[in-house]
Amino acid sequence: MTGDLRVHRAQDGQNLVGLDEKDYAFSAGQVVISDDAGVESIGGIMGGLSTGCTDETTDVFLEAAFWDHIQIAYTGRALKINSDARYRNERGIDPAYNRQALDDATAMILDLCGGEPSEAVLAGEAPKVSRSYKLDAARVVSLVGMEISESEQRQTLTALGFKLEGNMAAVPSWRPDVQGEADLVEEVARVASLTKLEGKPLARTQPGVPKPILSPMQKREGIARRTAAALGYNECVTYSFIDQQAAALFGGGDETTMVANPISSEMSHMRPNLLPGLLRAAARNQARGFADMALFELGAAFHGGEPAEQHQQLAGILVGRTGPKDVHATSRPVDLFDAKADAEALMTAMGAPAKMQILRGGEGWWHPGRHGRLCLGPKKVMGVFGEVHPKVLHALDVKGPVVAFTLYPEDIPMPRNTKAARAALHLRDLQAVERDFAFVVDVSVEALTLTNAAAGADKALIEDVRVFDEFVGGSLGEGKKSIAVTVRLQPSEKTLTDEDIEAVSSKIVQKVVKATGGELRG
């Protein structure tokens, strides 16, 4: 040691070879001890090799210091040093024993090695750590659930070194971990042993069957999960964080949903949709030889960085074929009608109205000509189904075909009738009549437009309109197609006569021609 010692914060560029013979470079702010020759030890963590003891050492400098445990942790983690000194100082030592520890260590050296001590030098003052907390005997029951008498609690704390004066417990200086009244309860409970805890049911506030605690939306989500599982889907629980590339494919990936401190580069953004996580799961399964799968997830998607900028989604994907090869059954690639059927089944289970419109205009991650939006009017979108766009599958390394759906449970109207009983069953004893119509229209005309027009011809009499055939080109000419529908007429007051059927048929033809600009096929 050269000259006097001083404790100070290191500057960038300073370094030291420690007792473990490793070279440590310091950053500004780390605490070190230096003499006139430079840094000789890392405060509270490790000494330097040049000032360490050897077999020839005759003069020893003995130090007993109290360090800030936060600073010790900061320096130790930055330098990646795990020493016994760091372990002890990081967790806090007894400042009241420091001076006595110096005298005890000196006496031990004199007994074992001999020698002559110098005068002790005291720098600074020991920090004041005296504190007291109120001992509330009843809190053991409320916090832990154990019945321990107050006298036993006081005996336990006294044996642990606490000084009790009335209902106040003074904390001993060697217990820096005790920082409140709850810590007193913990000391009593751990000595009494938590193994004595007995499980007891919660007391009921009133007799009888308790009231339901699930909200209508929670019930809807539970129904959706059970229905999806019954349809053959396996539930996934994926991370809410996805990579920027996948987020950008589904309308996200901007700065508003970026995670400030992501755990990996593949989890840098909050997911704007549940489909990326499901498609990533499908890709991992395909890489392991599982080609056919049905996956779904119910969870939150994020359209902004604020707490309220999130919404619930129910998403599902069908990948590969409808089933394995079988001599007794057919196997085919999944198509959008599989996704449509499952989406409609889930919508019905969640209480969606029976009359839903299927419109185009989905987001860019859907195949432009093979998808549909489930709507109540053009602005009320309750879900989307269809094929996933090939560019999305290529970017996420998923082998097609892949069809999917994304439903929005929060946007499905709640039923007005909340009673458990079903409505009365009304059966009609009059025979229904079905008539087929085929119309030649432009290829740009949607079947939905045609069926809505036909159904509106007589809403009281027409029960159902269903497309059963479509023919494009051929003798119809360029740019034309034929759509054939079956119209079911269900009378409620009298049996339909030929004149009644002809009148309704004329109205249907007029409505469809007016709505589509087509004509009845001869």
Protein backbone atom coordinates (compact mmCIF):
# COMPACT_ATOMS: atom_id res chain seq x y z
CA MET A 1 0.00 0.00 0.00
CA THR A 2 1.33 3.40 -0.96
CA GLY A 3 0.07 6.44 0.95
CA ASP A 4 -3.39 6.92 2.41
CA LEU A 5 -6.52 5.07 1.35
CA ARG A 6 -9.63 6.76 0.03
CA VAL A 7 -13.05 5.45 -0.97
CA HIS A 8 -14.43 7.02 -4.14
CA ARG A 9 -16.39 6.35 -7.32
CA ALA A 10 -14.37 5.02 -10.23
CA GLN A 11 -13.82 6.83 -13.49
CA ASP A 12 -14.04 5.30 -16.96
CA GLY A 13 -10.75 3.71 -17.93
CA GLN A 14 -9.60 2.68 -14.47
CA ASN A 15 -8.89 -1.00 -13.99
CA LEU A 16 -7.67 -3.55 -11.43
CA VAL A 17 -6.36 -7.11 -11.42
CA GLY A 18 -8.40 -8.82 -8.69
CA LEU A 19 -7.48 -11.58 -6.29
CA ASP A 20 -8.92 -14.06 -8.82
CA GLU A 21 -6.22 -12.86 -11.29
CA LYS A 22 -8.82 -11.39 -13.66
CA ASP A 23 -8.58 -7.88 -15.09
CA TYR A 24 -11.60 -5.69 -14.29
CA ALA A 25 -12.33 -2.43 -16.12
CA PHE A 26 -14.52 0.01 -14.17
CA SER A 27 -17.39 2.17 -15.35
CA ALA A 28 -18.10 5.58 -13.95
CA GLY A 29 -20.04 5.40 -10.68
CA GLN A 30 -18.72 2.10 -9.33
CA VAL A 31 -17.19 2.31 -5.82
CA VAL A 32 -13.50 1.44 -5.40
CA ILE A 33 -10.73 1.94 -2.80
CA SER A 34 -7.49 3.58 -3.96
CA ASP A 35 -4.11 4.53 -2.57
CA ASP A 36 -1.54 6.87 -4.11
CA ALA A 37 -0.56 4.19 -6.64
CA GLY A 38 -4.09 3.65 -7.96
CA VAL A 39 -7.08 1.37 -7.37
CA GLU A 40 -6.20 -1.35 -4.86
CA SER A 41 -9.61 -3.03 -4.28
CA ILE A 42 -13.30 -3.08 -5.28
CA GLY A 43 -15.27 -1.72 -2.35
CA GLY A 44 -17.12 -4.48 -0.47
CA ILE A 45 -16.58 -7.07 -3.24
CA MET A 46 -12.95 -8.08 -3.86
CA GLY A 47 -9.41 -6.97 -3.15
CA GLY A 48 -6.59 -6.45 -5.64
CA LEU A 49 -3.91 -9.02 -6.43
CA SER A 50 -1.03 -6.59 -5.84
CA THR A 51 -2.18 -5.83 -2.26
CA GLY A 52 -3.19 -9.38 -1.34
CA CYS A 53 -1.57 -11.47 1.39
CA THR A 54 1.18 -14.02 0.69
CA ASP A 55 3.39 -16.28 2.83
CA GLU A 56 5.86 -13.39 3.21
CA THR A 57 3.29 -10.82 4.37
CA THR A 58 4.11 -9.27 7.75
CA ASP A 59 1.96 -6.13 7.82
CA VAL A 60 -1.83 -6.45 7.45
CA PHE A 61 -4.38 -3.67 7.04
CA LEU A 62 -7.68 -4.69 8.66
CA GLU A 63 -10.88 -2.99 7.47
CA ALA A 64 -14.48 -3.32 8.70
CA ALA A 65 -16.78 -1.23 6.52
CA PHE A 66 -20.51 -0.80 6.00
CA TRP A 67 -21.52 -0.53 2.34
CA ASP A 68 -24.71 0.43 0.57
CA HIS A 69 -26.14 -2.94 -0.54
CA ILE A 70 -27.73 -1.46 -3.67
CA GLN A 71 -24.37 -0.10 -4.79
CA ILE A 72 -22.72 -3.47 -4.08
CA ALA A 73 -25.33 -5.25 -6.23
CA TYR A 74 -24.94 -2.71 -9.03
CA THR A 75 -21.14 -3.08 -9.15
CA GLY A 76 -21.09 -6.86 -8.63
CA ARG A 77 -23.56 -7.56 -11.43
CA ALA A 78 -21.82 -5.19 -13.82
CA LEU A 79 -18.43 -6.84 -13.21
CA LYS A 80 -19.93 -10.38 -12.93
CA ILE A 81 -18.16 -11.08 -9.63
CA ASN A 82 -19.67 -13.60 -7.21
CA SER A 83 -17.55 -13.39 -4.08
CA ASP A 84 -18.32 -14.14 -0.45
CA ALA A 85 -17.84 -10.45 0.39
CA ARG A 86 -20.37 -9.43 -2.22
CA TYR A 87 -22.85 -12.06 -0.99
CA ARG A 88 -22.73 -10.73 2.55
CA ASN A 89 -22.61 -6.99 1.83
CA GLU A 90 -25.31 -7.20 -0.85
CA ARG A 91 -27.76 -8.65 1.65
CA GLY A 92 -26.89 -6.22 4.42
CA ILE A 93 -24.71 -6.65 7.50
CA ASP A 94 -25.10 -5.45 11.08
CA PRO A 95 -23.76 -1.86 11.26
CA ALA A 96 -23.90 -1.87 15.05
CA TYR A 97 -21.40 -4.73 15.19
CA ASN A 98 -18.83 -3.23 12.84
CA ARG A 99 -16.52 -1.71 15.49
CA GLN A 100 -16.81 -4.82 17.66
CA ALA A 101 -16.07 -6.99 14.59
CA LEU A 102 -12.81 -5.07 14.05
CA ASP A 103 -11.74 -5.73 17.64
CA ASP A 104 -12.74 -9.42 17.47
CA ALA A 105 -10.81 -9.94 14.22
CA THR A 106 -7.75 -8.21 15.70
CA ALA A 107 -7.86 -10.43 18.78
CA MET A 108 -8.11 -13.54 16.58
CA ILE A 109 -5.06 -12.52 14.53
CA LEU A 110 -3.04 -11.84 17.69
CA ASP A 111 -4.01 -15.22 19.17
CA LEU A 112 -3.15 -17.17 16.03
CA CYS A 113 -0.27 -15.21 14.52
CA GLY A 114 1.02 -12.90 17.18
CA GLY A 115 2.07 -9.38 16.31
CA GLU A 116 1.31 -5.90 17.54
CA PRO A 117 -1.86 -3.90 16.66
CA SER A 118 -2.00 -0.20 15.93
CA GLU A 119 -4.63 2.26 17.02
CA ALA A 120 -8.04 1.85 15.36
CA VAL A 121 -9.10 4.69 13.04
CA LEU A 122 -12.81 5.45 12.71
CA ALA A 123 -13.98 7.17 9.52
CA GLY A 124 -17.58 8.38 9.39
CA GLU A 125 -20.46 7.17 11.53
CA ALA A 126 -22.44 3.97 11.55
CA PRO A 127 -25.86 4.53 9.95
CA LYS A 128 -28.86 4.69 12.24
CA VAL A 129 -31.01 1.66 11.58
CA SER A 130 -33.13 1.61 14.73
CA ARG A 131 -36.86 1.26 13.97
CA SER A 132 -39.96 -0.13 15.64
CA TYR A 133 -43.24 -1.50 14.33
CA LYS A 134 -46.56 -2.19 15.95
CA LEU A 135 -47.27 -5.79 16.89
CA ASP A 136 -50.88 -6.61 16.05
CA ALA A 137 -51.56 -10.15 17.25
CA ALA A 138 -54.78 -10.43 15.23
CA ARG A 139 -52.92 -9.95 11.92
CA VAL A 140 -51.47 -13.46 12.15
CA VAL A 141 -54.97 -14.81 11.54
CA SER A 142 -55.82 -12.37 8.75
CA LEU A 143 -52.49 -12.64 6.92
CA VAL A 144 -51.48 -16.25 7.51
CA GLY A 145 -54.59 -18.03 8.75
CA MET A 146 -53.04 -19.46 11.93
CA GLU A 147 -54.28 -19.17 15.49
CA ILE A 148 -51.25 -18.16 17.62
CA SER A 149 -51.69 -16.61 21.04
CA GLU A 150 -50.29 -13.16 21.70
CA SER A 151 -48.04 -14.45 24.48
CA GLU A 152 -46.49 -17.00 22.10
CA GLN A 153 -45.95 -14.30 19.50
CA ARG A 154 -44.16 -12.07 21.99
CA GLN A 155 -41.98 -14.96 23.18
CA THR A 156 -41.02 -15.79 19.60
CA LEU A 157 -40.02 -12.23 18.74
CA THR A 158 -38.08 -11.83 21.97
CA ALA A 159 -36.13 -15.01 21.27
CA LEU A 160 -35.29 -13.68 17.81
CA GLY A 161 -33.75 -10.51 19.29
CA PHE A 162 -36.66 -8.08 19.03
CA LYS A 163 -37.20 -5.78 22.02
CA LEU A 164 -40.87 -5.38 22.99
CA GLU A 165 -42.17 -2.31 24.77
CA GLY A 166 -45.95 -2.39 25.03
CA ASN A 167 -47.31 -3.16 21.54
CA MET A 168 -44.16 -1.89 19.76
CA ALA A 169 -41.39 -4.23 18.59
CA ALA A 170 -37.90 -2.77 18.08
CA VAL A 171 -36.06 -4.49 15.23
CA PRO A 172 -32.50 -5.72 15.95
CA SER A 173 -29.77 -4.07 13.91
CA TRP A 174 -28.81 -7.34 12.17
CA ARG A 175 -32.25 -7.74 10.56
CA PRO A 176 -32.35 -5.32 7.59
CA ASP A 177 -35.02 -7.50 5.94
CA VAL A 178 -37.70 -6.57 8.51
CA GLN A 179 -39.37 -3.47 7.08
CA GLY A 180 -42.95 -3.47 8.34
CA GLU A 181 -45.68 -4.96 10.51
CA ALA A 182 -46.28 -7.81 8.06
CA ASP A 183 -42.66 -8.91 8.51
CA LEU A 184 -43.31 -9.35 12.24
CA VAL A 185 -46.19 -11.68 11.37
CA GLU A 186 -43.93 -13.61 8.99
CA GLU A 187 -41.32 -14.13 11.72
CA VAL A 188 -43.94 -15.53 14.08
CA ALA A 189 -45.48 -17.77 11.41
CA ARG A 190 -42.21 -19.27 10.16
CA VAL A 191 -41.10 -20.19 13.69
CA ALA A 192 -44.50 -21.73 14.46
CA SER A 193 -44.13 -23.60 11.10
CA LEU A 194 -46.47 -23.08 8.16
CA THR A 195 -46.88 -26.85 7.93
CA LYS A 196 -49.51 -26.50 10.65
CA LEU A 197 -51.82 -24.61 8.30
CA GLU A 198 -55.14 -26.38 7.73
CA GLY A 199 -57.23 -25.92 4.62
CA LYS A 200 -60.65 -24.46 5.37
CA PRO A 201 -63.46 -23.49 2.98
CA LEU A 202 -64.36 -19.83 2.75
CA ALA A 203 -67.25 -18.87 4.97
CA ARG A 204 -70.49 -18.10 3.15
CA THR A 205 -72.10 -14.78 3.86
CA GLN A 206 -75.58 -16.27 3.44
CA PRO A 207 -77.02 -19.78 3.15
CA GLY A 208 -78.17 -21.32 -0.10
CA VAL A 209 -76.79 -21.37 -3.62
CA PRO A 210 -74.45 -18.42 -4.25
CA LYS A 211 -75.22 -15.97 -7.02
CA PRO A 212 -73.39 -16.35 -10.34
CA ILE A 213 -70.09 -14.48 -10.37
CA LEU A 214 -69.24 -14.70 -14.07
CA SER A 215 -70.09 -11.75 -16.26
CA PRO A 216 -72.05 -12.33 -19.50
CA MET A 217 -68.85 -11.88 -21.50
CA GLN A 218 -66.99 -14.43 -19.38
CA LYS A 219 -69.83 -16.91 -19.91
CA ARG A 220 -69.68 -16.24 -23.65
CA GLU A 221 -65.94 -16.90 -23.71
CA GLY A 222 -66.40 -20.18 -21.86
CA ILE A 223 -69.08 -21.28 -24.32
CA ALA A 224 -66.79 -20.34 -27.22
CA ARG A 225 -63.95 -22.46 -25.83
CA ARG A 226 -66.17 -25.52 -25.32
CA THR A 227 -67.74 -25.16 -28.76
CA ALA A 228 -64.37 -24.84 -30.52
CA ALA A 229 -63.10 -27.92 -28.70
CA ALA A 230 -66.27 -29.82 -29.67
CA LEU A 231 -65.64 -28.88 -33.31
CA GLY A 232 -62.28 -30.64 -33.13
CA TYR A 233 -59.93 -27.71 -32.47
CA ASN A 234 -57.00 -27.81 -30.06
CA GLU A 235 -56.60 -24.72 -27.88
CA CYS A 236 -53.32 -22.79 -27.99
CA VAL A 237 -52.02 -20.22 -25.51
CA THR A 238 -49.36 -18.20 -27.32
CA TYR A 239 -47.30 -15.20 -26.25
CA SER A 240 -48.82 -11.73 -26.50
CA PHE A 241 -45.48 -10.57 -27.98
CA ILE A 242 -44.51 -11.37 -31.58
CA ASP A 243 -41.76 -10.26 -33.94
CA GLN A 244 -42.02 -7.07 -35.99
CA GLN A 245 -42.25 -8.91 -39.32
CA ALA A 246 -45.28 -10.96 -38.29
CA ALA A 247 -46.93 -7.96 -36.63
CA ALA A 248 -46.52 -5.88 -39.82
CA LEU A 249 -48.25 -8.59 -41.88
CA PHE A 250 -51.36 -8.16 -39.73
CA GLY A 251 -51.58 -4.39 -39.53
CA GLY A 252 -49.27 -3.81 -36.54
CA GLY A 253 -45.56 -3.57 -35.89
CA ASP A 254 -45.41 0.20 -35.35
CA GLU A 255 -43.87 2.16 -32.47
CA THR A 256 -47.11 2.37 -30.47
CA THR A 257 -47.07 -1.39 -29.81
CA MET A 258 -43.31 -1.81 -29.50
CA VAL A 259 -42.10 -3.38 -26.24
CA ALA A 260 -39.58 -1.15 -24.45
CA ASN A 261 -37.44 -3.99 -23.11
CA PRO A 262 -38.26 -7.21 -25.04
CA ILE A 263 -36.96 -10.52 -23.75
CA SER A 264 -35.89 -11.45 -27.30
CA SER A 265 -35.92 -10.03 -30.83
CA GLU A 266 -38.78 -12.41 -31.68
CA MET A 267 -41.02 -10.75 -29.06
CA SER A 268 -40.55 -7.08 -29.88
CA HIS A 269 -44.19 -6.02 -30.48
CA MET A 270 -47.62 -6.61 -28.99
CA ARG A 271 -49.70 -8.81 -31.28
CA PRO A 272 -52.34 -7.00 -33.40
CA ASN A 273 -54.10 -10.31 -34.12
CA LEU A 274 -54.13 -13.86 -32.79
CA LEU A 275 -53.48 -15.44 -36.19
CA PRO A 276 -49.67 -14.84 -36.24
CA GLY A 277 -49.19 -16.91 -33.10
CA LEU A 278 -51.38 -19.72 -34.46
CA LEU A 279 -49.59 -19.71 -37.81
CA ARG A 280 -46.19 -19.82 -36.08
CA ALA A 281 -47.44 -22.80 -34.07
CA ALA A 282 -48.61 -24.47 -37.29
CA ALA A 283 -45.18 -23.94 -38.88
CA ARG A 284 -43.45 -25.54 -35.88
CA ASN A 285 -45.79 -28.53 -36.06
CA GLN A 286 -45.24 -28.91 -39.81
CA ALA A 287 -41.48 -28.89 -39.25
CA ARG A 288 -41.98 -31.90 -36.96
CA GLY A 289 -44.09 -33.85 -39.40
CA PHE A 290 -47.64 -32.88 -38.34
CA ALA A 291 -49.29 -31.64 -41.53
CA ASP A 292 -53.01 -31.60 -40.61
CA MET A 293 -54.21 -29.60 -37.62
CA ALA A 294 -57.00 -27.44 -36.20
CA LEU A 295 -55.91 -24.79 -33.67
CA PHE A 296 -57.76 -21.99 -31.88
CA GLU A 297 -57.02 -19.32 -29.29
CA LEU A 298 -59.11 -16.88 -27.30
CA GLY A 299 -57.25 -13.83 -26.00
CA ALA A 300 -56.43 -10.16 -26.29
CA ALA A 301 -55.06 -8.39 -29.36
CA PHE A 302 -53.62 -4.88 -29.22
CA HIS A 303 -54.25 -1.96 -31.56
CA GLY A 304 -52.37 0.63 -29.50
CA GLY A 305 -50.01 1.12 -26.59
CA GLU A 306 -52.52 2.31 -23.98
CA PRO A 307 -54.21 -0.06 -21.51
CA ALA A 308 -57.64 0.43 -23.10
CA GLU A 309 -56.38 -0.13 -26.65
CA GLN A 310 -56.95 -3.87 -26.73
CA HIS A 311 -59.82 -6.15 -27.71
CA GLN A 312 -60.78 -9.80 -27.35
CA GLN A 313 -60.52 -12.15 -30.32
CA LEU A 314 -61.38 -15.76 -31.01
CA ALA A 315 -59.21 -17.06 -33.84
CA GLY A 316 -58.86 -20.47 -35.40
CA ILE A 317 -56.97 -22.07 -38.28
CA LEU A 318 -57.43 -25.25 -40.31
CA VAL A 319 -54.29 -26.57 -41.99
CA GLY A 320 -53.79 -29.38 -44.49
CA ARG A 321 -56.56 -31.87 -45.14
CA THR A 322 -59.88 -32.69 -43.52
CA GLY A 323 -58.61 -36.04 -42.29
CA PRO A 324 -56.16 -38.88 -42.85
CA LYS A 325 -56.33 -41.22 -45.82
CA ASP A 326 -59.03 -43.82 -45.26
CA VAL A 327 -60.53 -46.49 -47.45
CA HIS A 328 -63.97 -45.79 -45.97
CA ALA A 329 -63.93 -41.99 -46.16
CA THR A 330 -62.74 -39.23 -48.44
CA SER A 331 -59.96 -36.81 -47.55
CA ARG A 332 -59.69 -33.41 -49.23
CA PRO A 333 -57.83 -30.13 -48.64
CA VAL A 334 -59.58 -27.75 -46.28
CA ASP A 335 -61.38 -24.84 -47.93
CA LEU A 336 -63.01 -21.60 -46.89
CA PHE A 337 -66.41 -23.27 -46.45
CA ASP A 338 -64.94 -25.36 -43.63
CA ALA A 339 -63.85 -22.15 -41.92
CA LYS A 340 -67.24 -20.57 -42.67
CA ALA A 341 -69.16 -23.47 -41.13
CA ASP A 342 -67.06 -23.43 -37.96
CA ALA A 343 -67.20 -19.63 -37.68
CA GLU A 344 -70.99 -19.65 -38.00
CA ALA A 345 -71.28 -22.45 -35.43
CA LEU A 346 -69.21 -20.45 -32.96
CA MET A 347 -71.16 -17.27 -33.68
CA THR A 348 -74.43 -19.10 -33.03
CA ALA A 349 -73.09 -20.56 -29.79
CA MET A 350 -72.05 -17.08 -28.60
CA GLY A 351 -75.55 -15.72 -29.28
CA ALA A 352 -75.11 -13.93 -32.61
CA PRO A 353 -78.33 -13.13 -34.52
CA ALA A 354 -79.37 -15.73 -37.09
CA LYS A 355 -79.53 -13.22 -39.93
CA MET A 356 -75.96 -12.14 -40.62
CA GLN A 357 -74.62 -10.59 -43.79
CA ILE A 358 -71.47 -11.91 -45.45
CA LEU A 359 -69.62 -9.06 -47.13
CA ARG A 360 -66.27 -8.59 -48.79
CA GLY A 361 -63.64 -6.00 -47.87
CA GLY A 362 -61.49 -7.89 -45.37
CA GLU A 363 -57.97 -6.88 -44.37
CA GLY A 364 -54.92 -7.50 -46.51
CA TRP A 365 -53.91 -10.76 -44.83
CA TRP A 366 -57.00 -12.49 -46.27
CA HIS A 367 -57.18 -13.90 -49.81
CA PRO A 368 -58.91 -11.10 -51.77
CA GLY A 369 -61.45 -13.39 -53.47
CA ARG A 370 -61.88 -16.11 -50.85
CA HIS A 371 -62.99 -14.55 -47.60
CA GLY A 372 -66.06 -12.99 -46.04
CA ARG A 373 -66.91 -10.63 -43.20
CA LEU A 374 -69.72 -11.63 -40.84
CA CYS A 375 -71.63 -8.39 -40.38
CA LEU A 376 -74.78 -6.79 -39.03
CA GLY A 377 -74.84 -4.01 -41.58
CA PRO A 378 -71.77 -2.65 -43.36
CA LYS A 379 -70.21 -1.13 -40.21
CA LYS A 380 -70.92 -3.79 -37.55
CA VAL A 381 -68.26 -6.46 -38.16
CA MET A 382 -68.47 -9.47 -35.85
CA GLY A 383 -65.87 -11.67 -37.54
CA VAL A 384 -63.98 -12.66 -40.68
CA PHE A 385 -63.38 -16.06 -42.27
CA GLY A 386 -61.56 -17.27 -45.37
CA GLU A 387 -58.24 -18.34 -46.81
CA VAL A 388 -55.07 -16.77 -45.47
CA HIS A 389 -53.22 -14.80 -48.16
CA PRO A 390 -50.41 -16.82 -49.80
CA LYS A 391 -47.86 -14.06 -49.17
CA VAL A 392 -48.55 -14.32 -45.42
CA LEU A 393 -48.10 -18.09 -45.49
CA HIS A 394 -44.82 -17.71 -47.40
CA ALA A 395 -43.51 -15.08 -44.98
CA LEU A 396 -44.32 -17.24 -41.94
CA ASP A 397 -43.07 -20.45 -43.61
CA VAL A 398 -46.43 -22.23 -43.43
CA LYS A 399 -47.37 -24.80 -46.06
CA GLY A 400 -50.92 -24.42 -47.32
CA PRO A 401 -53.76 -24.73 -47.71
CA VAL A 402 -54.70 -22.73 -44.61
CA VAL A 403 -58.16 -21.36 -43.85
CA ALA A 404 -58.95 -19.36 -40.75
CA PHE A 405 -61.42 -17.19 -38.91
CA THR A 406 -61.17 -14.27 -36.51
CA LEU A 407 -64.23 -13.50 -34.40
CA TYR A 408 -64.85 -10.53 -32.08
CA PRO A 409 -66.92 -11.70 -29.06
CA GLU A 410 -67.26 -8.17 -27.67
CA ASP A 411 -68.94 -6.96 -30.90
CA ILE A 412 -71.65 -9.64 -30.87
CA PRO A 413 -74.84 -8.08 -29.43
CA MET A 414 -76.00 -9.50 -26.14
CA PRO A 415 -79.40 -11.22 -26.37
CA ARG A 416 -82.30 -9.12 -25.17
CA ASN A 417 -84.00 -12.06 -23.50
CA THR A 418 -81.82 -13.20 -20.62
CA LYS A 419 -84.29 -15.81 -19.31
CA ALA A 420 -83.15 -19.40 -19.12
CA ALA A 421 -86.35 -20.81 -20.65
CA ARG A 422 -86.65 -21.16 -24.41
CA ALA A 423 -89.43 -19.55 -26.38
CA ALA A 424 -92.50 -21.63 -27.16
CA LEU A 425 -92.16 -23.96 -30.13
CA HIS A 426 -94.47 -23.00 -33.01
CA LEU A 427 -95.14 -25.81 -35.47
CA ARG A 428 -96.98 -25.20 -38.73
CA ASP A 429 -99.31 -27.91 -39.98
CA LEU A 430 -99.45 -26.58 -43.53
CA GLN A 431 -97.27 -28.09 -46.25
CA ALA A 432 -94.28 -26.07 -47.42
CA VAL A 433 -93.62 -25.52 -51.11
CA GLU A 434 -90.20 -25.23 -52.80
CA ARG A 435 -89.56 -23.60 -56.16
CA ASP A 436 -86.30 -23.38 -58.09
CA PHE A 437 -85.19 -20.30 -60.04
CA ALA A 438 -82.13 -19.76 -62.23
CA PHE A 439 -81.00 -16.23 -63.13
CA VAL A 440 -78.40 -15.07 -65.64
CA VAL A 441 -76.42 -12.16 -64.19
CA ASP A 442 -73.06 -10.48 -64.64
CA VAL A 443 -70.10 -12.34 -63.10
CA SER A 444 -69.54 -9.40 -60.76
CA VAL A 445 -72.94 -9.87 -59.09
CA GLU A 446 -72.66 -11.55 -55.69
CA ALA A 447 -74.92 -14.42 -54.73
CA LEU A 448 -75.78 -12.62 -51.49
CA THR A 449 -77.34 -9.76 -53.44
CA LEU A 450 -79.51 -12.21 -55.35
CA THR A 451 -80.63 -14.23 -52.31
CA ASN A 452 -81.44 -11.08 -50.29
CA ALA A 453 -83.57 -9.76 -53.15
CA ALA A 454 -85.45 -13.05 -53.45
CA ALA A 455 -86.05 -13.26 -49.68
CA GLY A 456 -87.44 -9.72 -49.66
CA ALA A 457 -90.18 -10.50 -52.15
CA ASP A 458 -92.51 -11.75 -49.36
CA LYS A 459 -90.92 -11.84 -45.90
CA ALA A 460 -93.97 -13.43 -44.27
CA LEU A 461 -94.23 -16.32 -46.71
CA ILE A 462 -90.64 -16.98 -47.81
CA GLU A 463 -88.87 -19.04 -45.14
CA ASP A 464 -85.51 -19.71 -46.79
CA VAL A 465 -83.50 -18.97 -49.95
CA ARG A 466 -80.55 -21.22 -50.73
CA VAL A 467 -78.08 -21.30 -53.63
CA PHE A 468 -77.64 -24.78 -55.08
CA ASP A 469 -75.89 -24.24 -58.43
CA GLU A 470 -73.60 -21.83 -60.27
CA PHE A 471 -72.53 -21.96 -63.93
CA VAL A 472 -70.09 -19.57 -65.61
CA GLY A 473 -69.39 -19.04 -69.33
CA GLY A 474 -70.35 -21.56 -71.98
CA SER A 475 -73.54 -20.71 -73.84
CA LEU A 476 -74.20 -17.82 -71.45
CA GLY A 477 -71.54 -15.70 -73.13
CA GLU A 478 -68.53 -13.78 -71.89
CA GLY A 479 -68.92 -12.07 -68.51
CA LYS A 480 -72.13 -13.88 -67.57
CA LYS A 481 -72.99 -16.56 -65.02
CA SER A 482 -76.05 -18.48 -63.91
CA ILE A 483 -77.06 -18.69 -60.25
CA ALA A 484 -79.78 -21.16 -59.28
CA VAL A 485 -81.65 -20.86 -55.97
CA THR A 486 -84.27 -22.82 -54.11
CA VAL A 487 -86.99 -20.74 -52.44
CA ARG A 488 -88.97 -22.38 -49.64
CA LEU A 489 -92.50 -21.04 -49.09
CA GLN A 490 -94.09 -21.83 -45.73
CA PRO A 491 -97.75 -20.78 -45.36
CA SER A 492 -99.20 -20.22 -41.91
CA GLU A 493 -102.90 -19.56 -42.56
CA LYS A 494 -103.98 -21.63 -45.59
CA THR A 495 -102.62 -24.03 -48.13
CA LEU A 496 -101.09 -22.28 -51.13
CA THR A 497 -102.90 -22.53 -54.44
CA ASP A 498 -101.27 -22.46 -57.85
CA GLU A 499 -102.31 -18.82 -58.21
CA ASP A 500 -100.67 -17.91 -54.88
CA ILE A 501 -97.45 -19.64 -55.85
CA GLU A 502 -97.37 -17.96 -59.25
CA ALA A 503 -97.95 -14.54 -57.67
CA VAL A 504 -95.08 -15.00 -55.25
CA SER A 505 -92.85 -16.37 -58.03
CA SER A 506 -93.52 -13.25 -60.12
CA LYS A 507 -92.56 -11.01 -57.20
CA ILE A 508 -89.34 -12.99 -56.70
CA VAL A 509 -88.38 -12.61 -60.36
CA GLN A 510 -89.15 -8.89 -60.33
CA LYS A 511 -87.15 -8.28 -57.17
CA VAL A 512 -84.10 -10.21 -58.38
CA VAL A 513 -84.11 -8.62 -61.85
CA LYS A 514 -84.34 -5.16 -60.31
CA ALA A 515 -81.57 -5.81 -57.78
CA THR A 516 -79.11 -7.59 -60.07
CA GLY A 517 -79.92 -6.36 -63.57
CA GLY A 518 -80.14 -9.98 -64.73
CA GLU A 519 -82.91 -12.08 -66.22
CA LEU A 520 -84.67 -15.35 -65.59
CA ARG A 521 -82.86 -18.15 -67.35
CA GLY A 522 -85.00 -19.89 -69.98
